[in-house]
N, C-alpha and C. Protein backbone atom coordinates (compact mmCIF):
# COMPACT_ATOMS: atom_id res chain seq x y z
N MET A 1 66.65 -86.83 -82.36
CA MET A 1 67.04 -86.43 -81.02
C MET A 1 68.56 -86.25 -80.93
N LYS A 2 69.29 -87.24 -81.48
CA LYS A 2 70.76 -87.17 -81.45
C LYS A 2 71.25 -85.95 -82.23
N ARG A 3 70.60 -85.69 -83.36
CA ARG A 3 70.99 -84.55 -84.18
C ARG A 3 70.74 -83.24 -83.42
N ASN A 4 69.63 -83.15 -82.70
CA ASN A 4 69.32 -81.95 -81.92
C ASN A 4 70.35 -81.71 -80.83
N LEU A 5 70.79 -82.79 -80.16
CA LEU A 5 71.82 -82.65 -79.13
C LEU A 5 73.14 -82.20 -79.73
N THR A 6 73.47 -82.71 -80.91
CA THR A 6 74.70 -82.31 -81.58
C THR A 6 74.65 -80.83 -81.95
N VAL A 7 73.52 -80.40 -82.48
CA VAL A 7 73.37 -78.99 -82.84
C VAL A 7 73.43 -78.11 -81.59
N LEU A 8 72.77 -78.53 -80.52
CA LEU A 8 72.80 -77.78 -79.27
C LEU A 8 74.22 -77.68 -78.72
N ALA A 9 74.94 -78.79 -78.70
CA ALA A 9 76.32 -78.79 -78.20
C ALA A 9 77.20 -77.87 -79.06
N GLY A 10 77.03 -77.94 -80.37
CA GLY A 10 77.81 -77.08 -81.26
C GLY A 10 77.50 -75.61 -81.04
N SER A 11 76.24 -75.30 -80.85
CA SER A 11 75.84 -73.91 -80.60
C SER A 11 76.43 -73.38 -79.30
N LEU A 12 76.42 -74.23 -78.27
CA LEU A 12 77.00 -73.82 -76.99
C LEU A 12 78.49 -73.57 -77.10
N LEU A 13 79.20 -74.43 -77.84
CA LEU A 13 80.64 -74.24 -78.03
C LEU A 13 80.93 -72.94 -78.78
N ILE A 14 80.18 -72.69 -79.83
CA ILE A 14 80.37 -71.46 -80.61
C ILE A 14 80.11 -70.24 -79.73
N THR A 15 79.04 -70.30 -78.95
CA THR A 15 78.72 -69.19 -78.04
C THR A 15 79.82 -68.99 -77.02
N PHE A 16 80.31 -70.09 -76.43
CA PHE A 16 81.35 -70.01 -75.41
C PHE A 16 82.63 -69.40 -75.98
N PHE A 17 83.10 -69.94 -77.10
CA PHE A 17 84.35 -69.44 -77.67
C PHE A 17 84.18 -68.05 -78.26
N GLY A 18 83.01 -67.73 -78.75
CA GLY A 18 82.74 -66.38 -79.23
C GLY A 18 82.77 -65.38 -78.09
N PHE A 19 82.25 -65.79 -76.93
CA PHE A 19 82.28 -64.93 -75.74
C PHE A 19 83.71 -64.66 -75.31
N ILE A 20 84.54 -65.69 -75.32
CA ILE A 20 85.94 -65.52 -74.94
C ILE A 20 86.64 -64.57 -75.91
N ALA A 21 86.42 -64.75 -77.20
CA ALA A 21 87.09 -63.91 -78.19
C ALA A 21 86.65 -62.46 -78.07
N VAL A 22 85.37 -62.23 -77.81
CA VAL A 22 84.86 -60.87 -77.69
C VAL A 22 85.43 -60.19 -76.44
N ASN A 23 85.65 -60.96 -75.39
CA ASN A 23 86.10 -60.39 -74.13
C ASN A 23 87.61 -60.37 -73.97
N ALA A 24 88.36 -60.78 -74.97
CA ALA A 24 89.82 -60.72 -74.89
C ALA A 24 90.27 -59.28 -75.13
N LEU A 25 91.17 -58.79 -74.29
CA LEU A 25 91.66 -57.43 -74.43
C LEU A 25 92.38 -57.28 -75.77
N SER A 26 92.10 -56.19 -76.46
CA SER A 26 92.72 -55.98 -77.76
C SER A 26 93.11 -54.51 -77.93
N VAL A 27 93.98 -54.28 -78.89
CA VAL A 27 94.44 -52.92 -79.20
C VAL A 27 93.24 -52.07 -79.61
N ASN A 28 93.24 -50.83 -79.17
CA ASN A 28 92.21 -49.81 -79.39
C ASN A 28 90.99 -49.97 -78.49
N GLN A 29 90.98 -50.99 -77.65
CA GLN A 29 89.88 -51.16 -76.70
C GLN A 29 90.06 -50.17 -75.55
N VAL A 30 88.98 -49.52 -75.16
CA VAL A 30 89.01 -48.61 -74.01
C VAL A 30 88.87 -49.44 -72.74
N VAL A 31 89.73 -49.16 -71.77
CA VAL A 31 89.66 -49.85 -70.48
C VAL A 31 89.42 -48.82 -69.38
N SER A 32 88.96 -49.30 -68.25
CA SER A 32 88.72 -48.40 -67.13
C SER A 32 89.68 -48.71 -66.00
N ASN A 33 89.86 -47.73 -65.13
CA ASN A 33 90.72 -47.92 -63.97
C ASN A 33 90.06 -48.95 -63.05
N LEU A 34 90.87 -49.60 -62.25
CA LEU A 34 90.39 -50.69 -61.42
C LEU A 34 90.71 -50.46 -59.95
N ASN A 35 89.90 -51.02 -59.10
CA ASN A 35 90.15 -51.00 -57.66
C ASN A 35 90.90 -52.27 -57.30
N ILE A 36 92.18 -52.12 -56.99
CA ILE A 36 93.00 -53.25 -56.58
C ILE A 36 93.65 -52.88 -55.25
N LYS A 37 94.84 -53.39 -54.97
CA LYS A 37 95.50 -53.13 -53.67
C LYS A 37 96.92 -52.62 -53.91
N ASP A 38 97.43 -51.89 -52.91
CA ASP A 38 98.83 -51.50 -52.96
C ASP A 38 99.67 -52.59 -52.28
N ALA A 39 100.94 -52.34 -52.10
CA ALA A 39 101.84 -53.34 -51.52
C ALA A 39 101.55 -53.62 -50.05
N ASN A 40 100.81 -52.72 -49.40
CA ASN A 40 100.45 -52.89 -47.99
C ASN A 40 99.03 -53.42 -47.82
N ASP A 41 98.45 -53.92 -48.91
CA ASP A 41 97.10 -54.49 -48.91
C ASP A 41 96.02 -53.44 -48.65
N GLN A 42 96.31 -52.20 -49.00
CA GLN A 42 95.33 -51.11 -48.88
C GLN A 42 94.70 -50.85 -50.25
N PRO A 43 93.45 -50.40 -50.29
CA PRO A 43 92.80 -50.12 -51.57
C PRO A 43 93.61 -49.13 -52.40
N ALA A 44 93.68 -49.39 -53.70
CA ALA A 44 94.43 -48.52 -54.61
C ALA A 44 93.83 -48.61 -56.01
N THR A 45 94.09 -47.58 -56.79
CA THR A 45 93.77 -47.59 -58.21
C THR A 45 95.07 -47.34 -58.97
N ILE A 46 95.02 -47.51 -60.27
CA ILE A 46 96.20 -47.30 -61.09
C ILE A 46 96.46 -45.79 -61.19
N PRO A 47 97.61 -45.32 -60.70
CA PRO A 47 97.88 -43.88 -60.73
C PRO A 47 98.08 -43.36 -62.16
N ASP A 48 97.71 -42.12 -62.36
CA ASP A 48 97.88 -41.41 -63.63
C ASP A 48 97.08 -42.01 -64.78
N PHE A 49 96.08 -42.79 -64.46
CA PHE A 49 95.24 -43.42 -65.48
C PHE A 49 94.46 -42.33 -66.22
N GLY A 50 94.67 -42.24 -67.53
CA GLY A 50 94.00 -41.23 -68.34
C GLY A 50 94.74 -39.90 -68.43
N SER A 51 95.86 -39.78 -67.71
CA SER A 51 96.61 -38.52 -67.79
C SER A 51 98.04 -38.72 -68.29
N LYS A 52 98.51 -39.96 -68.31
CA LYS A 52 99.85 -40.28 -68.82
C LYS A 52 99.80 -41.56 -69.64
N VAL A 53 100.81 -41.77 -70.44
CA VAL A 53 101.00 -43.06 -71.10
C VAL A 53 101.44 -44.04 -70.02
N LEU A 54 100.74 -45.17 -69.93
CA LEU A 54 101.06 -46.16 -68.91
C LEU A 54 101.65 -47.41 -69.55
N THR A 55 102.77 -47.85 -69.02
CA THR A 55 103.32 -49.15 -69.40
C THR A 55 103.14 -50.04 -68.17
N ILE A 56 102.35 -51.09 -68.34
CA ILE A 56 101.97 -51.94 -67.22
C ILE A 56 102.49 -53.35 -67.46
N VAL A 57 103.15 -53.89 -66.44
CA VAL A 57 103.55 -55.30 -66.45
C VAL A 57 102.69 -56.00 -65.41
N TYR A 58 101.88 -56.96 -65.87
CA TYR A 58 101.01 -57.73 -64.99
C TYR A 58 101.52 -59.16 -64.99
N GLY A 59 101.94 -59.66 -63.83
CA GLY A 59 102.46 -61.02 -63.81
C GLY A 59 102.46 -61.64 -62.43
N ASP A 60 102.54 -62.97 -62.42
CA ASP A 60 102.66 -63.65 -61.13
C ASP A 60 104.14 -63.85 -60.80
N SER A 61 104.41 -64.34 -59.60
CA SER A 61 105.80 -64.42 -59.13
C SER A 61 106.66 -65.36 -59.98
N ASP A 62 106.05 -66.35 -60.62
CA ASP A 62 106.81 -67.26 -61.48
C ASP A 62 107.28 -66.59 -62.77
N ALA A 63 106.67 -65.47 -63.11
CA ALA A 63 107.00 -64.80 -64.37
C ALA A 63 107.36 -63.34 -64.17
N SER A 64 107.69 -62.98 -62.94
CA SER A 64 107.86 -61.56 -62.61
C SER A 64 108.99 -60.87 -63.36
N ASP A 65 110.01 -61.60 -63.77
CA ASP A 65 111.17 -60.97 -64.42
C ASP A 65 111.18 -61.13 -65.94
N ILE A 66 110.20 -61.81 -66.50
CA ILE A 66 110.22 -62.12 -67.94
C ILE A 66 110.20 -60.86 -68.80
N SER A 67 109.44 -59.86 -68.41
CA SER A 67 109.34 -58.63 -69.21
C SER A 67 110.41 -57.60 -68.87
N ASP A 68 111.36 -57.96 -68.01
CA ASP A 68 112.41 -57.01 -67.62
C ASP A 68 113.19 -56.42 -68.79
N PRO A 69 113.50 -57.19 -69.85
CA PRO A 69 114.23 -56.57 -70.96
C PRO A 69 113.48 -55.38 -71.58
N ILE A 70 112.16 -55.46 -71.65
CA ILE A 70 111.38 -54.33 -72.17
C ILE A 70 111.41 -53.18 -71.17
N SER A 71 111.18 -53.49 -69.90
CA SER A 71 111.20 -52.45 -68.87
C SER A 71 112.55 -51.76 -68.79
N ASP A 72 113.63 -52.53 -68.91
CA ASP A 72 114.98 -51.96 -68.88
C ASP A 72 115.21 -51.02 -70.07
N ALA A 73 114.74 -51.42 -71.25
CA ALA A 73 114.90 -50.58 -72.44
C ALA A 73 114.12 -49.28 -72.30
N LEU A 74 112.92 -49.36 -71.73
CA LEU A 74 112.13 -48.15 -71.51
C LEU A 74 112.80 -47.23 -70.50
N LYS A 75 113.34 -47.82 -69.44
CA LYS A 75 114.03 -47.02 -68.43
C LYS A 75 115.25 -46.33 -69.03
N ALA A 76 115.97 -47.03 -69.90
CA ALA A 76 117.17 -46.47 -70.52
C ALA A 76 116.83 -45.27 -71.43
N LYS A 77 115.64 -45.26 -71.99
CA LYS A 77 115.22 -44.14 -72.85
C LYS A 77 114.91 -42.88 -72.03
N ASN A 78 114.68 -43.05 -70.74
CA ASN A 78 114.46 -41.92 -69.84
C ASN A 78 113.33 -41.00 -70.34
N PHE A 79 112.19 -41.61 -70.63
CA PHE A 79 111.03 -40.83 -71.06
C PHE A 79 110.60 -39.88 -69.94
N PRO A 80 110.06 -38.71 -70.28
CA PRO A 80 109.67 -37.75 -69.24
C PRO A 80 108.59 -38.31 -68.32
N GLU A 81 108.83 -38.20 -67.02
CA GLU A 81 107.87 -38.69 -66.04
C GLU A 81 106.56 -37.92 -66.10
N SER A 82 106.59 -36.74 -66.66
CA SER A 82 105.37 -35.94 -66.78
C SER A 82 104.40 -36.52 -67.82
N LYS A 83 104.91 -37.42 -68.67
CA LYS A 83 104.08 -37.97 -69.74
C LYS A 83 103.97 -39.49 -69.71
N ASN A 84 104.80 -40.15 -68.94
CA ASN A 84 104.87 -41.61 -68.97
C ASN A 84 105.04 -42.15 -67.55
N ARG A 85 104.41 -43.30 -67.30
CA ARG A 85 104.58 -43.95 -66.00
C ARG A 85 104.58 -45.46 -66.20
N GLY A 86 105.58 -46.10 -65.62
CA GLY A 86 105.65 -47.55 -65.61
C GLY A 86 105.08 -48.09 -64.31
N ILE A 87 104.29 -49.15 -64.43
CA ILE A 87 103.62 -49.72 -63.26
C ILE A 87 103.72 -51.24 -63.32
N GLY A 88 103.99 -51.83 -62.18
CA GLY A 88 103.92 -53.28 -62.05
C GLY A 88 102.68 -53.65 -61.26
N ILE A 89 102.03 -54.72 -61.68
CA ILE A 89 100.90 -55.25 -60.92
C ILE A 89 101.16 -56.73 -60.69
N ALA A 90 101.30 -57.10 -59.42
CA ALA A 90 101.58 -58.48 -59.06
C ALA A 90 100.28 -59.28 -58.97
N ASN A 91 100.21 -60.33 -59.76
CA ASN A 91 99.08 -61.25 -59.76
C ASN A 91 99.28 -62.23 -58.60
N LEU A 92 98.67 -61.95 -57.47
CA LEU A 92 98.86 -62.79 -56.28
C LEU A 92 98.07 -64.09 -56.35
N LYS A 93 96.95 -64.07 -57.02
CA LYS A 93 96.07 -65.24 -57.07
C LYS A 93 96.76 -66.44 -57.71
N ASP A 94 97.50 -66.23 -58.79
CA ASP A 94 98.16 -67.34 -59.50
C ASP A 94 99.55 -67.65 -58.97
N SER A 95 100.02 -66.90 -58.01
CA SER A 95 101.36 -67.11 -57.48
C SER A 95 101.36 -68.21 -56.43
N PRO A 96 102.34 -69.11 -56.49
CA PRO A 96 102.38 -70.22 -55.53
C PRO A 96 102.78 -69.79 -54.12
N ALA A 97 103.51 -68.71 -53.99
CA ALA A 97 103.97 -68.25 -52.68
C ALA A 97 102.82 -67.56 -51.94
N PRO A 98 102.85 -67.58 -50.62
CA PRO A 98 101.82 -66.87 -49.85
C PRO A 98 101.87 -65.36 -50.13
N ASN A 99 100.71 -64.74 -50.07
CA ASN A 99 100.61 -63.31 -50.38
C ASN A 99 101.54 -62.45 -49.53
N TRP A 100 101.71 -62.78 -48.25
CA TRP A 100 102.54 -61.95 -47.38
C TRP A 100 104.00 -61.97 -47.82
N ILE A 101 104.45 -63.10 -48.35
CA ILE A 101 105.83 -63.17 -48.85
C ILE A 101 105.98 -62.30 -50.09
N ILE A 102 105.02 -62.42 -50.99
CA ILE A 102 105.08 -61.62 -52.23
C ILE A 102 105.01 -60.14 -51.89
N ARG A 103 104.16 -59.77 -50.94
CA ARG A 103 104.06 -58.36 -50.54
C ARG A 103 105.40 -57.84 -50.00
N LYS A 104 106.11 -58.65 -49.23
CA LYS A 104 107.43 -58.25 -48.71
C LYS A 104 108.40 -58.03 -49.86
N ILE A 105 108.38 -58.92 -50.85
CA ILE A 105 109.25 -58.77 -52.02
C ILE A 105 108.88 -57.51 -52.79
N VAL A 106 107.58 -57.29 -52.98
CA VAL A 106 107.11 -56.10 -53.68
C VAL A 106 107.54 -54.84 -52.94
N GLN A 107 107.39 -54.82 -51.62
CA GLN A 107 107.79 -53.66 -50.83
C GLN A 107 109.28 -53.37 -50.96
N SER A 108 110.10 -54.43 -51.00
CA SER A 108 111.55 -54.21 -51.14
C SER A 108 111.89 -53.69 -52.54
N LYS A 109 111.17 -54.16 -53.57
CA LYS A 109 111.42 -53.66 -54.93
C LYS A 109 110.98 -52.20 -55.06
N ILE A 110 109.91 -51.84 -54.40
CA ILE A 110 109.45 -50.45 -54.43
C ILE A 110 110.52 -49.54 -53.84
N LYS A 111 111.09 -49.94 -52.72
CA LYS A 111 112.15 -49.14 -52.09
C LYS A 111 113.41 -49.11 -52.94
N LYS A 112 113.80 -50.26 -53.46
CA LYS A 112 115.04 -50.36 -54.22
C LYS A 112 114.98 -49.58 -55.53
N TYR A 113 113.87 -49.69 -56.25
CA TYR A 113 113.77 -49.10 -57.59
C TYR A 113 112.92 -47.84 -57.65
N ASN A 114 112.36 -47.42 -56.50
CA ASN A 114 111.44 -46.28 -56.50
C ASN A 114 110.33 -46.49 -57.53
N ALA A 115 109.75 -47.68 -57.49
CA ALA A 115 108.77 -48.10 -58.48
C ALA A 115 107.36 -48.08 -57.92
N THR A 116 106.39 -48.09 -58.82
CA THR A 116 105.00 -48.24 -58.45
C THR A 116 104.61 -49.68 -58.74
N ILE A 117 104.31 -50.43 -57.69
CA ILE A 117 103.90 -51.82 -57.85
C ILE A 117 102.64 -52.03 -57.02
N LEU A 118 101.58 -52.43 -57.69
CA LEU A 118 100.31 -52.71 -57.03
C LEU A 118 100.12 -54.22 -56.97
N THR A 119 99.06 -54.67 -56.29
CA THR A 119 98.80 -56.10 -56.20
C THR A 119 97.35 -56.41 -56.55
N ASP A 120 97.16 -57.58 -57.13
CA ASP A 120 95.84 -58.05 -57.54
C ASP A 120 95.61 -59.40 -56.85
N VAL A 121 94.79 -59.39 -55.80
CA VAL A 121 94.62 -60.60 -54.99
C VAL A 121 93.62 -61.59 -55.58
N ASP A 122 92.75 -61.14 -56.47
CA ASP A 122 91.68 -62.02 -56.92
C ASP A 122 91.43 -61.99 -58.44
N LEU A 123 92.45 -61.68 -59.20
CA LEU A 123 92.37 -61.63 -60.67
C LEU A 123 91.43 -60.53 -61.18
N THR A 124 91.30 -59.46 -60.42
CA THR A 124 90.47 -58.33 -60.85
C THR A 124 90.94 -57.80 -62.20
N VAL A 125 92.24 -57.61 -62.35
CA VAL A 125 92.78 -57.07 -63.60
C VAL A 125 92.53 -58.04 -64.75
N ALA A 126 92.91 -59.30 -64.54
CA ALA A 126 92.76 -60.31 -65.59
C ALA A 126 91.30 -60.45 -66.02
N ASN A 127 90.39 -60.50 -65.08
CA ASN A 127 88.98 -60.69 -65.41
C ASN A 127 88.34 -59.42 -65.97
N SER A 128 88.61 -58.28 -65.38
CA SER A 128 87.98 -57.03 -65.84
C SER A 128 88.47 -56.61 -67.22
N TRP A 129 89.72 -56.84 -67.49
CA TRP A 129 90.28 -56.44 -68.78
C TRP A 129 90.33 -57.58 -69.79
N GLY A 130 89.89 -58.76 -69.43
CA GLY A 130 89.85 -59.87 -70.38
C GLY A 130 91.23 -60.36 -70.79
N LEU A 131 92.12 -60.52 -69.83
CA LEU A 131 93.49 -60.95 -70.15
C LEU A 131 93.62 -62.45 -70.35
N GLY A 132 92.61 -63.21 -70.00
CA GLY A 132 92.69 -64.66 -70.14
C GLY A 132 93.53 -65.27 -69.04
N ASN A 133 94.05 -66.45 -69.30
CA ASN A 133 94.87 -67.16 -68.33
C ASN A 133 96.21 -66.45 -68.17
N CYS A 134 96.49 -65.98 -66.98
CA CYS A 134 97.74 -65.25 -66.72
C CYS A 134 98.68 -66.04 -65.82
N ASN A 135 98.36 -67.27 -65.52
CA ASN A 135 99.21 -68.09 -64.67
C ASN A 135 100.54 -68.34 -65.37
N ASN A 136 101.63 -68.08 -64.66
CA ASN A 136 102.99 -68.24 -65.19
C ASN A 136 103.27 -67.32 -66.38
N LYS A 137 102.56 -66.20 -66.45
CA LYS A 137 102.73 -65.27 -67.57
C LYS A 137 103.03 -63.86 -67.06
N SER A 138 103.66 -63.12 -67.94
CA SER A 138 103.87 -61.69 -67.75
C SER A 138 103.17 -61.01 -68.92
N VAL A 139 102.21 -60.18 -68.62
CA VAL A 139 101.45 -59.49 -69.66
C VAL A 139 101.93 -58.05 -69.71
N PHE A 140 102.41 -57.62 -70.87
CA PHE A 140 102.89 -56.25 -71.05
C PHE A 140 101.81 -55.47 -71.79
N ILE A 141 101.37 -54.37 -71.18
CA ILE A 141 100.27 -53.57 -71.71
C ILE A 141 100.68 -52.10 -71.76
N ILE A 142 100.36 -51.44 -72.87
CA ILE A 142 100.53 -49.99 -72.96
C ILE A 142 99.14 -49.39 -73.11
N ILE A 143 98.84 -48.42 -72.25
CA ILE A 143 97.56 -47.72 -72.30
C ILE A 143 97.85 -46.24 -72.53
N GLY A 144 97.19 -45.67 -73.52
CA GLY A 144 97.38 -44.25 -73.83
C GLY A 144 96.59 -43.35 -72.90
N LYS A 145 96.84 -42.04 -73.04
CA LYS A 145 96.11 -41.06 -72.24
C LYS A 145 94.61 -41.10 -72.54
N ASP A 146 94.26 -41.62 -73.71
CA ASP A 146 92.85 -41.75 -74.09
C ASP A 146 92.20 -43.00 -73.51
N LYS A 147 92.93 -43.72 -72.65
CA LYS A 147 92.47 -44.94 -71.97
C LYS A 147 92.29 -46.11 -72.93
N LYS A 148 92.89 -46.00 -74.11
CA LYS A 148 92.82 -47.09 -75.07
C LYS A 148 94.09 -47.93 -74.99
N VAL A 149 93.92 -49.23 -75.17
CA VAL A 149 95.05 -50.14 -75.20
C VAL A 149 95.80 -49.90 -76.51
N LYS A 150 97.09 -49.65 -76.39
CA LYS A 150 97.93 -49.42 -77.57
C LYS A 150 98.77 -50.66 -77.91
N TYR A 151 98.98 -51.51 -76.90
CA TYR A 151 99.82 -52.70 -77.09
C TYR A 151 99.47 -53.69 -75.98
N ILE A 152 99.42 -54.96 -76.34
CA ILE A 152 99.29 -56.02 -75.34
C ILE A 152 99.98 -57.27 -75.86
N ARG A 153 100.72 -57.88 -74.97
CA ARG A 153 101.44 -59.11 -75.34
C ARG A 153 101.65 -59.95 -74.10
N HIS A 154 101.34 -61.24 -74.22
CA HIS A 154 101.58 -62.21 -73.14
C HIS A 154 102.93 -62.87 -73.36
N PHE A 155 103.75 -62.89 -72.33
CA PHE A 155 105.05 -63.56 -72.38
C PHE A 155 105.08 -64.64 -71.31
N ASP A 156 105.87 -65.67 -71.56
CA ASP A 156 106.10 -66.71 -70.55
C ASP A 156 107.51 -67.25 -70.75
N LYS A 157 107.86 -68.29 -69.99
CA LYS A 157 109.22 -68.82 -70.05
C LYS A 157 109.59 -69.37 -71.42
N ASN A 158 108.61 -69.78 -72.19
CA ASN A 158 108.86 -70.30 -73.54
C ASN A 158 108.66 -69.26 -74.62
N ASN A 159 108.21 -68.10 -74.26
CA ASN A 159 107.93 -67.03 -75.22
C ASN A 159 108.35 -65.70 -74.59
N LYS A 160 109.65 -65.48 -74.56
CA LYS A 160 110.20 -64.28 -73.93
C LYS A 160 110.28 -63.14 -74.94
N PRO A 161 110.32 -61.91 -74.46
CA PRO A 161 110.44 -60.78 -75.39
C PRO A 161 111.74 -60.85 -76.18
N ASN A 162 111.65 -60.59 -77.47
CA ASN A 162 112.85 -60.54 -78.31
C ASN A 162 113.14 -59.08 -78.67
N GLN A 163 114.18 -58.87 -79.42
CA GLN A 163 114.56 -57.49 -79.77
C GLN A 163 113.47 -56.78 -80.56
N GLY A 164 112.75 -57.52 -81.40
CA GLY A 164 111.63 -56.93 -82.13
C GLY A 164 110.54 -56.41 -81.21
N ASP A 165 110.23 -57.20 -80.17
CA ASP A 165 109.23 -56.77 -79.18
C ASP A 165 109.71 -55.51 -78.46
N ILE A 166 110.96 -55.52 -78.06
CA ILE A 166 111.53 -54.37 -77.34
C ILE A 166 111.48 -53.12 -78.21
N ASP A 167 111.93 -53.24 -79.46
CA ASP A 167 111.92 -52.09 -80.37
C ASP A 167 110.50 -51.57 -80.61
N THR A 168 109.56 -52.48 -80.79
CA THR A 168 108.17 -52.09 -81.01
C THR A 168 107.64 -51.27 -79.84
N VAL A 169 107.87 -51.75 -78.62
CA VAL A 169 107.37 -51.06 -77.43
C VAL A 169 108.05 -49.71 -77.26
N VAL A 170 109.37 -49.67 -77.39
CA VAL A 170 110.10 -48.41 -77.21
C VAL A 170 109.64 -47.38 -78.24
N ASN A 171 109.52 -47.78 -79.49
CA ASN A 171 109.09 -46.85 -80.54
C ASN A 171 107.66 -46.38 -80.32
N LEU A 172 106.79 -47.28 -79.86
CA LEU A 172 105.41 -46.91 -79.60
C LEU A 172 105.31 -45.91 -78.45
N VAL A 173 106.00 -46.19 -77.36
CA VAL A 173 105.98 -45.26 -76.22
C VAL A 173 106.57 -43.91 -76.64
N ASP A 174 107.64 -43.94 -77.41
CA ASP A 174 108.26 -42.71 -77.89
C ASP A 174 107.24 -41.87 -78.67
N SER A 175 106.49 -42.50 -79.57
CA SER A 175 105.51 -41.75 -80.35
C SER A 175 104.34 -41.27 -79.48
N LEU A 176 103.94 -42.06 -78.50
CA LEU A 176 102.82 -41.67 -77.64
C LEU A 176 103.16 -40.50 -76.72
N VAL A 177 104.38 -40.47 -76.19
CA VAL A 177 104.73 -39.37 -75.28
C VAL A 177 104.95 -38.06 -76.04
N LYS A 178 105.17 -38.14 -77.34
CA LYS A 178 105.34 -36.93 -78.16
C LYS A 178 104.00 -36.31 -78.55
N GLN A 179 102.92 -37.03 -78.36
CA GLN A 179 101.59 -36.52 -78.75
C GLN A 179 101.08 -35.49 -77.77
């Protein structure tokens, strides 16, 4: 009986962790557009999905600036807007501040930077795309025109982007927009 319980427990653990591994977003995986919200809490989808190279930063308010060095490097390259679009998605569910405060901050950043920033109130992006735990994290994702993930990396306060990460992303976007 004890042996059967041990085997059952082991099988459940293997199944559970296998499920997590299979559902983790990975390079070359095809993803679909999602129904989330804009900065005014209105329904929205990710613009230019499937028609441009997308660089997406998904993060909560505690990690909102962690991927800025990559975003700044991409902006400095001045890739053609006809082929590339940068998008921010604010993870409101994991953010400690009330949603209305974060929305006000997002609205001011949209005006200041002429940026596209959407909001995710219930972890739709994290759950649908298999991003795992995104609390206190900034997830940098590149999606090609073919809707395949070309790059994904989780950053946090202890694991910030380095020059190698920046160079990898810039070179990858450069090659994708030339296709």
